[in-house]
Amino acid sequence: MFSRLFRRGKSGDEKNDAIPADASWSFIGADIHSHFVPGIDDGAKTIEDSIVLLKAMEAMGYKKIVTTPHVMSDFYPNSSLTILTGLKKIQDAARENNINLEISAAAEYYIDEYFTELMAKEPLLPIHKNEVLVEFSMLYEPPMLNSALFSMQTNGYKPIIAHPERYIFFHNKFERYRELRDRGCKLQLNLLSISGYYGRNIMEVAMRLLEKGMYDYCGSDMHHEKHAAALKAMLQTKAYSTLVNYPFLNSQLCF
């Protein structure tokens, strides 16, 4: 089933007749997950890298970018100051390079034993209104996950769980996805997940979540040019047809 969805149209293969030649990600409107602020996490290293990635996003049809540097105590101890200072740099560089994207910044917060302490130190940077992007270990469920999410909500935030399909410990516990949504969390798909970029198992879980209408947002999670090239290539696969009619909330951020 899944391999057929993403097969490219070739002689003898399933044709992609429904995909327009000028297919773009414009129907998404706003990307809510990326790493474009240079030099502060594992994304863009220089302002030149940032410009290359922003140009790629604009060429693929995006209108707005909410870039989300990692905030991770052990590796990327960013703060609102470091993020917003970096945002100003890429906004200035975008204007100088005639990039017509609306660019703002939030963060991708890593839930660990230090997260609630961080939340007490300064307000979190939201994607939209009070919605905050969070992630956690992809290898094991952190013991403080439920309490951290509850603490966020008692402080007035609504969690957006980044790339839930990539948390391998949930793959055989599909009910945990429902529990997260029942707790008031929103789920954000990594677009590249359904292309098989991160592996078949992740692709299949992502498709199952899509089929059950459990995603609220999608994001590029773009770090570098390889991601940009893969995202562009998806536009001429069945992945595009799968996503184009899904009711993602991203476009609401463009109003």
C-alpha atoms as a PDB file:
ATOM      1  CA  MET A   1       0.000   0.000   0.000  1.00  0.00           C
ATOM      2  CA  PHE A   2       2.573   2.549   1.144  1.00  0.00           C
ATOM      3  CA  SER A   3       5.151   1.848  -1.574  1.00  0.00           C
ATOM      4  CA  ARG A   4       2.476   2.444  -4.217  1.00  0.00           C
ATOM      5  CA  LEU A   5       1.589   5.793  -2.682  1.00  0.00           C
ATOM      6  CA  PHE A   6       5.088   7.161  -3.171  1.00  0.00           C
ATOM      7  CA  ARG A   7       6.146   5.563  -6.433  1.00  0.00           C
ATOM      8  CA  ARG A   8       7.278   8.031  -9.076  1.00  0.00           C
ATOM      9  CA  GLY A   9       5.493   7.989 -12.399  1.00  0.00           C
ATOM     10  CA  LYS A  10       7.639   6.021 -14.880  1.00  0.00           C
ATOM     11  CA  SER A  11       6.952   3.807 -17.821  1.00  0.00           C
ATOM     12  CA  GLY A  12       5.124   0.784 -16.465  1.00  0.00           C
ATOM     13  CA  ASP A  13       4.587   2.323 -13.009  1.00  0.00           C
ATOM     14  CA  GLU A  14       1.491   3.911 -11.552  1.00  0.00           C
ATOM     15  CA  LYS A  15       1.122   7.341 -13.171  1.00  0.00           C
ATOM     16  CA  ASN A  16       0.862  10.583 -11.219  1.00  0.00           C
ATOM     17  CA  ASP A  17      -1.717  12.138 -13.540  1.00  0.00           C
ATOM     18  CA  ALA A  18      -3.387  14.050 -10.708  1.00  0.00           C
ATOM     19  CA  ILE A  19      -0.194  15.940  -9.818  1.00  0.00           C
ATOM     20  CA  PRO A  20       0.112  19.289 -11.619  1.00  0.00           C
ATOM     21  CA  ALA A  21       3.436  20.141 -13.203  1.00  0.00           C
ATOM     22  CA  ASP A  22       3.609  23.284 -11.070  1.00  0.00           C
ATOM     23  CA  ALA A  23       2.766  21.531  -7.799  1.00  0.00           C
ATOM     24  CA  SER A  24       3.941  23.467  -4.755  1.00  0.00           C
ATOM     25  CA  TRP A  25       3.527  23.566  -0.991  1.00  0.00           C
ATOM     26  CA  SER A  26       1.543  26.803  -1.255  1.00  0.00           C
ATOM     27  CA  PHE A  27      -1.568  25.071   0.130  1.00  0.00           C
ATOM     28  CA  ILE A  28       0.293  24.719   3.448  1.00  0.00           C
ATOM     29  CA  GLY A  29       1.049  28.433   3.588  1.00  0.00           C
ATOM     30  CA  ALA A  30       3.095  28.596   6.790  1.00  0.00           C
ATOM     31  CA  ASP A  31       5.892  26.277   7.843  1.00  0.00           C
ATOM     32  CA  ILE A  32       6.008  25.913  11.633  1.00  0.00           C
ATOM     33  CA  HIS A  33       9.128  23.796  12.148  1.00  0.00           C
ATOM     34  CA  SER A  34      12.591  24.616  10.805  1.00  0.00           C
ATOM     35  CA  HIS A  35      16.121  25.475  11.866  1.00  0.00           C
ATOM     36  CA  PHE A  36      17.144  28.593   9.945  1.00  0.00           C
ATOM     37  CA  VAL A  37      18.711  30.797  12.651  1.00  0.00           C
ATOM     38  CA  PRO A  38      22.424  30.390  11.921  1.00  0.00           C
ATOM     39  CA  GLY A  39      24.947  28.962  14.318  1.00  0.00           C
ATOM     40  CA  ILE A  40      22.773  28.200  17.343  1.00  0.00           C
ATOM     41  CA  ASP A  41      21.720  24.584  16.765  1.00  0.00           C
ATOM     42  CA  ASP A  42      22.176  21.755  14.234  1.00  0.00           C
ATOM     43  CA  GLY A  43      20.485  23.668  11.416  1.00  0.00           C
ATOM     44  CA  ALA A  44      21.896  26.503   9.316  1.00  0.00           C
ATOM     45  CA  LYS A  45      25.524  27.165  10.184  1.00  0.00           C
ATOM     46  CA  THR A  46      25.947  30.546   8.512  1.00  0.00           C
ATOM     47  CA  ILE A  47      23.680  33.353   7.348  1.00  0.00           C
ATOM     48  CA  GLU A  48      24.470  32.231   3.802  1.00  0.00           C
ATOM     49  CA  ASP A  49      23.014  28.815   4.650  1.00  0.00           C
ATOM     50  CA  SER A  50      19.918  30.537   6.013  1.00  0.00           C
ATOM     51  CA  ILE A  51      19.405  32.485   2.790  1.00  0.00           C
ATOM     52  CA  VAL A  52      19.762  29.362   0.629  1.00  0.00           C
ATOM     53  CA  LEU A  53      17.122  27.566   2.683  1.00  0.00           C
ATOM     54  CA  LEU A  54      14.744  30.522   2.789  1.00  0.00           C
ATOM     55  CA  LYS A  55      14.981  30.917  -0.988  1.00  0.00           C
ATOM     56  CA  ALA A  56      14.184  27.232  -1.368  1.00  0.00           C
ATOM     57  CA  MET A  57      11.119  27.567   0.847  1.00  0.00           C
ATOM     58  CA  GLU A  58       9.874  30.584  -1.091  1.00  0.00           C
ATOM     59  CA  ALA A  59      10.406  28.792  -4.412  1.00  0.00           C
ATOM     60  CA  MET A  60       8.334  25.856  -3.137  1.00  0.00           C
ATOM     61  CA  GLY A  61       5.376  28.136  -2.431  1.00  0.00           C
ATOM     62  CA  TYR A  62       5.575  28.917   1.271  1.00  0.00           C
ATOM     63  CA  LYS A  63       4.370  32.358   2.385  1.00  0.00           C
ATOM     64  CA  LYS A  64       5.379  32.354   6.037  1.00  0.00           C
ATOM     65  CA  ILE A  65       8.127  30.763   8.109  1.00  0.00           C
ATOM     66  CA  VAL A  66       8.068  30.278  11.870  1.00  0.00           C
ATOM     67  CA  THR A  67      11.585  29.012  12.457  1.00  0.00           C
ATOM     68  CA  THR A  68      12.143  26.951  15.582  1.00  0.00           C
ATOM     69  CA  PRO A  69      15.682  26.570  16.940  1.00  0.00           C
ATOM     70  CA  HIS A  70      16.269  23.786  19.410  1.00  0.00           C
ATOM     71  CA  VAL A  71      16.173  24.611  23.098  1.00  0.00           C
ATOM     72  CA  MET A  72      17.932  21.701  24.774  1.00  0.00           C
ATOM     73  CA  SER A  73      19.770  22.127  28.063  1.00  0.00           C
ATOM     74  CA  ASP A  74      22.688  19.792  27.297  1.00  0.00           C
ATOM     75  CA  PHE A  75      23.402  20.745  23.699  1.00  0.00           C
ATOM     76  CA  TYR A  76      21.578  23.919  22.646  1.00  0.00           C
ATOM     77  CA  PRO A  77      20.951  26.112  25.721  1.00  0.00           C
ATOM     78  CA  ASN A  78      19.197  28.782  23.701  1.00  0.00           C
ATOM     79  CA  SER A  79      17.019  31.482  25.216  1.00  0.00           C
ATOM     80  CA  SER A  80      14.475  33.912  23.859  1.00  0.00           C
ATOM     81  CA  LEU A  81      17.333  36.421  23.552  1.00  0.00           C
ATOM     82  CA  THR A  82      19.595  34.227  21.416  1.00  0.00           C
ATOM     83  CA  ILE A  83      16.686  33.158  19.219  1.00  0.00           C
ATOM     84  CA  LEU A  84      15.195  36.597  18.667  1.00  0.00           C
ATOM     85  CA  THR A  85      18.644  38.131  18.085  1.00  0.00           C
ATOM     86  CA  GLY A  86      19.252  35.512  15.412  1.00  0.00           C
ATOM     87  CA  LEU A  87      15.800  36.118  13.957  1.00  0.00           C
ATOM     88  CA  LYS A  88      16.643  39.785  13.400  1.00  0.00           C
ATOM     89  CA  LYS A  89      19.735  38.727  11.431  1.00  0.00           C
ATOM     90  CA  ILE A  90      17.820  36.483   9.058  1.00  0.00           C
ATOM     91  CA  GLN A  91      15.002  39.012   8.645  1.00  0.00           C
ATOM     92  CA  ASP A  92      17.548  41.656   7.627  1.00  0.00           C
ATOM     93  CA  ALA A  93      19.354  39.247   5.312  1.00  0.00           C
ATOM     94  CA  ALA A  94      16.063  38.161   3.728  1.00  0.00           C
ATOM     95  CA  ARG A  95      15.177  41.771   2.910  1.00  0.00           C
ATOM     96  CA  GLU A  96      18.630  42.364   1.435  1.00  0.00           C
ATOM     97  CA  ASN A  97      18.156  39.304  -0.768  1.00  0.00           C
ATOM     98  CA  ASN A  98      14.612  40.204  -1.883  1.00  0.00           C
ATOM     99  CA  ILE A  99      13.024  37.220  -0.141  1.00  0.00           C
ATOM    100  CA  ASN A 100       9.323  37.952   0.303  1.00  0.00           C
ATOM    101  CA  LEU A 101       8.557  35.607   3.162  1.00  0.00           C
ATOM    102  CA  GLU A 102       7.037  36.598   6.460  1.00  0.00           C
ATOM    103  CA  ILE A 103       9.594  35.303   8.956  1.00  0.00           C
ATOM    104  CA  SER A 104       9.133  34.914  12.694  1.00  0.00           C
ATOM    105  CA  ALA A 105      10.619  32.627  15.325  1.00  0.00           C
ATOM    106  CA  ALA A 106       9.528  30.347  18.118  1.00  0.00           C
ATOM    107  CA  ALA A 107      11.424  27.335  19.469  1.00  0.00           C
ATOM    108  CA  GLU A 108      11.433  23.546  19.578  1.00  0.00           C
ATOM    109  CA  TYR A 109      11.668  22.779  23.285  1.00  0.00           C
ATOM    110  CA  TYR A 110      13.137  19.479  24.434  1.00  0.00           C
ATOM    111  CA  ILE A 111      11.241  17.905  27.307  1.00  0.00           C
ATOM    112  CA  ASP A 112      13.652  16.575  29.912  1.00  0.00           C
ATOM    113  CA  GLU A 113      14.191  16.962  33.648  1.00  0.00           C
ATOM    114  CA  TYR A 114      15.193  20.618  33.148  1.00  0.00           C
ATOM    115  CA  PHE A 115      12.214  21.669  31.035  1.00  0.00           C
ATOM    116  CA  THR A 116       9.862  22.808  33.818  1.00  0.00           C
ATOM    117  CA  GLU A 117      12.732  24.751  35.384  1.00  0.00           C
ATOM    118  CA  LEU A 118      13.294  26.491  32.056  1.00  0.00           C
ATOM    119  CA  MET A 119       9.594  27.284  31.786  1.00  0.00           C
ATOM    120  CA  ALA A 120       9.754  28.979  35.193  1.00  0.00           C
ATOM    121  CA  LYS A 121      12.670  31.199  34.123  1.00  0.00           C
ATOM    122  CA  GLU A 122      11.136  32.884  31.088  1.00  0.00           C
ATOM    123  CA  PRO A 123       8.006  32.712  28.915  1.00  0.00           C
ATOM    124  CA  LEU A 124       8.128  30.124  26.166  1.00  0.00           C
ATOM    125  CA  LEU A 125       8.159  31.270  22.550  1.00  0.00           C
ATOM    126  CA  PRO A 126       4.906  30.139  20.894  1.00  0.00           C
ATOM    127  CA  ILE A 127       4.312  29.108  17.296  1.00  0.00           C
ATOM    128  CA  HIS A 128       0.876  30.725  17.300  1.00  0.00           C
ATOM    129  CA  LYS A 129      -0.990  32.337  20.155  1.00  0.00           C
ATOM    130  CA  ASN A 130      -0.228  30.026  23.109  1.00  0.00           C
ATOM    131  CA  GLU A 131       0.765  26.936  21.062  1.00  0.00           C
ATOM    132  CA  VAL A 132       4.322  25.746  21.774  1.00  0.00           C
ATOM    133  CA  LEU A 133       6.346  23.159  19.832  1.00  0.00           C
ATOM    134  CA  VAL A 134       7.931  20.433  21.960  1.00  0.00           C
ATOM    135  CA  GLU A 135       9.911  17.265  21.351  1.00  0.00           C
ATOM    136  CA  PHE A 136      11.537  14.574  23.491  1.00  0.00           C
ATOM    137  CA  SER A 137      13.796  11.554  23.168  1.00  0.00           C
ATOM    138  CA  MET A 138      13.085   9.426  20.097  1.00  0.00           C
ATOM    139  CA  LEU A 139      14.409   6.306  21.821  1.00  0.00           C
ATOM    140  CA  TYR A 140      12.486   6.149  25.080  1.00  0.00           C
ATOM    141  CA  GLU A 141       9.524   7.870  26.689  1.00  0.00           C
ATOM    142  CA  PRO A 142      10.758  10.354  29.291  1.00  0.00           C
ATOM    143  CA  PRO A 143       9.294   9.601  32.721  1.00  0.00           C
ATOM    144  CA  MET A 144       8.330  13.235  33.194  1.00  0.00           C
ATOM    145  CA  LEU A 145       6.478  13.564  29.869  1.00  0.00           C
ATOM    146  CA  ASN A 146       2.918  13.627  31.179  1.00  0.00           C
ATOM    147  CA  SER A 147       3.760  15.901  34.109  1.00  0.00           C
ATOM    148  CA  ALA A 148       5.676  18.309  31.824  1.00  0.00           C
ATOM    149  CA  LEU A 149       2.761  18.533  29.395  1.00  0.00           C
ATOM    150  CA  PHE A 150       0.376  19.101  32.310  1.00  0.00           C
ATOM    151  CA  SER A 151       2.677  21.817  33.664  1.00  0.00           C
ATOM    152  CA  MET A 152       2.672  23.525  30.267  1.00  0.00           C
ATOM    153  CA  GLN A 153      -1.107  23.535  30.213  1.00  0.00           C
ATOM    154  CA  THR A 154      -1.435  24.851  33.760  1.00  0.00           C
ATOM    155  CA  ASN A 155       0.856  27.693  32.670  1.00  0.00           C
ATOM    156  CA  GLY A 156      -1.456  28.539  29.789  1.00  0.00           C
ATOM    157  CA  TYR A 157       0.354  26.791  26.924  1.00  0.00           C
ATOM    158  CA  LYS A 158      -0.988  24.283  24.407  1.00  0.00           C
ATOM    159  CA  PRO A 159       1.641  21.686  23.399  1.00  0.00           C
ATOM    160  CA  ILE A 160       2.305  20.836  19.766  1.00  0.00           C
ATOM    161  CA  ILE A 161       4.122  17.495  19.660  1.00  0.00           C
ATOM    162  CA  ALA A 162       6.796  17.631  16.965  1.00  0.00           C
ATOM    163  CA  HIS A 163       7.082  14.637  14.601  1.00  0.00           C
ATOM    164  CA  PRO A 164       5.174  12.099  16.750  1.00  0.00           C
ATOM    165  CA  GLU A 165       5.690   9.440  14.079  1.00  0.00           C
ATOM    166  CA  ARG A 166       9.416   9.417  14.894  1.00  0.00           C
ATOM    167  CA  TYR A 167       9.047   8.305  18.523  1.00  0.00           C
ATOM    168  CA  ILE A 168       9.689   4.618  18.001  1.00  0.00           C
ATOM    169  CA  PHE A 169       8.459   3.600  21.464  1.00  0.00           C
ATOM    170  CA  PHE A 170       4.948   4.687  20.428  1.00  0.00           C
ATOM    171  CA  HIS A 171       4.872   2.525  17.292  1.00  0.00           C
ATOM    172  CA  ASN A 172       3.448  -0.491  19.112  1.00  0.00           C
ATOM    173  CA  LYS A 173       1.402   1.638  21.496  1.00  0.00           C
ATOM    174  CA  PHE A 174      -0.800   3.541  19.079  1.00  0.00           C
ATOM    175  CA  GLU A 175      -3.176   4.405  21.892  1.00  0.00           C
ATOM    176  CA  ARG A 176      -0.535   6.787  23.242  1.00  0.00           C
ATOM    177  CA  TYR A 177      -1.159   9.080  20.265  1.00  0.00           C
ATOM    178  CA  ARG A 178      -4.842   9.187  21.152  1.00  0.00           C
ATOM    179  CA  GLU A 179      -3.972   9.846  24.779  1.00  0.00           C
ATOM    180  CA  LEU A 180      -1.823  12.821  23.795  1.00  0.00           C
ATOM    181  CA  ARG A 181      -4.639  14.289  21.732  1.00  0.00           C
ATOM    182  CA  ASP A 182      -7.124  13.591  24.510  1.00  0.00           C
ATOM    183  CA  ARG A 183      -4.820  15.523  26.837  1.00  0.00           C
ATOM    184  CA  GLY A 184      -5.170  18.560  24.550  1.00  0.00           C
ATOM    185  CA  CYS A 185      -1.935  18.198  22.590  1.00  0.00           C
ATOM    186  CA  LYS A 186      -1.727  18.835  18.861  1.00  0.00           C
ATOM    187  CA  LEU A 187       0.390  16.668  16.574  1.00  0.00           C
ATOM    188  CA  GLN A 188       2.778  17.936  13.886  1.00  0.00           C
ATOM    189  CA  LEU A 189       3.787  15.771  10.939  1.00  0.00           C
ATOM    190  CA  ASN A 190       7.271  16.009   9.475  1.00  0.00           C
ATOM    191  CA  LEU A 191       6.476  16.149   5.759  1.00  0.00           C
ATOM    192  CA  LEU A 192       9.527  14.074   4.843  1.00  0.00           C
ATOM    193  CA  SER A 193       8.282  11.254   7.052  1.00  0.00           C
ATOM    194  CA  ILE A 194       5.747  10.116   4.469  1.00  0.00           C
ATOM    195  CA  SER A 195       8.373  10.021   1.722  1.00  0.00           C
ATOM    196  CA  GLY A 196      10.311   7.331   3.563  1.00  0.00           C
ATOM    197  CA  TYR A 197      13.140   9.753   4.314  1.00  0.00           C
ATOM    198  CA  TYR A 198      13.404   8.543   7.925  1.00  0.00           C
ATOM    199  CA  GLY A 199      12.640   4.893   7.169  1.00  0.00           C
ATOM    200  CA  ARG A 200       9.724   2.678   6.277  1.00  0.00           C
ATOM    201  CA  ASN A 201       8.385   2.146   9.787  1.00  0.00           C
ATOM    202  CA  ILE A 202       8.158   5.878  10.396  1.00  0.00           C
ATOM    203  CA  MET A 203       6.489   6.353   7.012  1.00  0.00           C
ATOM    204  CA  GLU A 204       3.863   3.743   7.812  1.00  0.00           C
ATOM    205  CA  VAL A 205       3.089   5.226  11.222  1.00  0.00           C
ATOM    206  CA  ALA A 206       2.811   8.688   9.660  1.00  0.00           C
ATOM    207  CA  MET A 207       0.381   7.372   7.056  1.00  0.00           C
ATOM    208  CA  ARG A 208      -1.714   5.681   9.731  1.00  0.00           C
ATOM    209  CA  LEU A 209      -1.907   8.932  11.712  1.00  0.00           C
ATOM    210  CA  LEU A 210      -2.894  10.788   8.537  1.00  0.00           C
ATOM    211  CA  GLU A 211      -5.563   8.245   7.648  1.00  0.00           C
ATOM    212  CA  LYS A 212      -7.085   8.621  11.108  1.00  0.00           C
ATOM    213  CA  GLY A 213      -7.018  12.425  10.878  1.00  0.00           C
ATOM    214  CA  MET A 214      -4.826  12.783  13.947  1.00  0.00           C
ATOM    215  CA  TYR A 215      -2.393  15.416  12.669  1.00  0.00           C
ATOM    216  CA  ASP A 216      -3.125  19.097  13.200  1.00  0.00           C
ATOM    217  CA  TYR A 217      -0.033  20.716  11.691  1.00  0.00           C
ATOM    218  CA  CYS A 218       2.778  19.779   9.365  1.00  0.00           C
ATOM    219  CA  GLY A 219       6.325  21.077   9.211  1.00  0.00           C
ATOM    220  CA  SER A 220       9.431  20.768   7.091  1.00  0.00           C
ATOM    221  CA  ASP A 221      11.846  20.340  10.027  1.00  0.00           C
ATOM    222  CA  MET A 222      14.379  21.684   7.545  1.00  0.00           C
ATOM    223  CA  HIS A 223      18.004  21.791   8.661  1.00  0.00           C
ATOM    224  CA  HIS A 224      20.036  21.816   5.434  1.00  0.00           C
ATOM    225  CA  GLU A 225      19.966  21.659   1.638  1.00  0.00           C
ATOM    226  CA  LYS A 226      19.488  17.882   1.568  1.00  0.00           C
ATOM    227  CA  HIS A 227      16.159  18.367   3.335  1.00  0.00           C
ATOM    228  CA  ALA A 228      15.216  21.114   0.873  1.00  0.00           C
ATOM    229  CA  ALA A 229      15.994  18.875  -2.114  1.00  0.00           C
ATOM    230  CA  ALA A 230      13.989  15.988  -0.645  1.00  0.00           C
ATOM    231  CA  LEU A 231      11.027  18.242   0.081  1.00  0.00           C
ATOM    232  CA  LYS A 232      11.081  19.569  -3.491  1.00  0.00           C
ATOM    233  CA  ALA A 233      11.267  16.039  -4.902  1.00  0.00           C
ATOM    234  CA  MET A 234       8.148  15.056  -2.949  1.00  0.00           C
ATOM    235  CA  LEU A 235       6.096  17.449  -5.066  1.00  0.00           C
ATOM    236  CA  GLN A 236       6.146  15.012  -7.965  1.00  0.00           C
ATOM    237  CA  THR A 237       5.227  11.913  -5.972  1.00  0.00           C
ATOM    238  CA  LYS A 238       2.006  10.481  -4.596  1.00  0.00           C
ATOM    239  CA  ALA A 239       2.974  12.049  -1.266  1.00  0.00           C
ATOM    240  CA  TYR A 240       1.791  15.373  -2.658  1.00  0.00           C
ATOM    241  CA  SER A 241      -1.578  13.915  -3.660  1.00  0.00           C
ATOM    242  CA  THR A 242      -1.931  12.419  -0.194  1.00  0.00           C
ATOM    243  CA  LEU A 243      -1.256  15.723   1.572  1.00  0.00           C
ATOM    244  CA  VAL A 244      -2.878  18.341  -0.645  1.00  0.00           C
ATOM    245  CA  ASN A 245      -6.410  17.702   0.617  1.00  0.00           C
ATOM    246  CA  TYR A 246      -5.549  17.153   4.280  1.00  0.00           C
ATOM    247  CA  PRO A 247      -6.988  19.884   6.565  1.00  0.00           C
ATOM    248  CA  PHE A 248      -3.750  21.069   8.167  1.00  0.00           C
ATOM    249  CA  LEU A 249      -4.088  24.187  10.328  1.00  0.00           C
ATOM    250  CA  ASN A 250      -0.919  25.817   8.978  1.00  0.00           C
ATOM    251  CA  SER A 251      -2.656  28.141   6.554  1.00  0.00           C
ATOM    252  CA  GLN A 252      -4.519  29.785   9.411  1.00  0.00           C
ATOM    253  CA  LEU A 253      -1.222  31.312  10.525  1.00  0.00           C
ATOM    254  CA  CYS A 254      -1.115  33.330   7.317  1.00  0.00           C
ATOM    255  CA  PHE A 255      -4.272  35.344   8.155  1.00  0.00           C
END
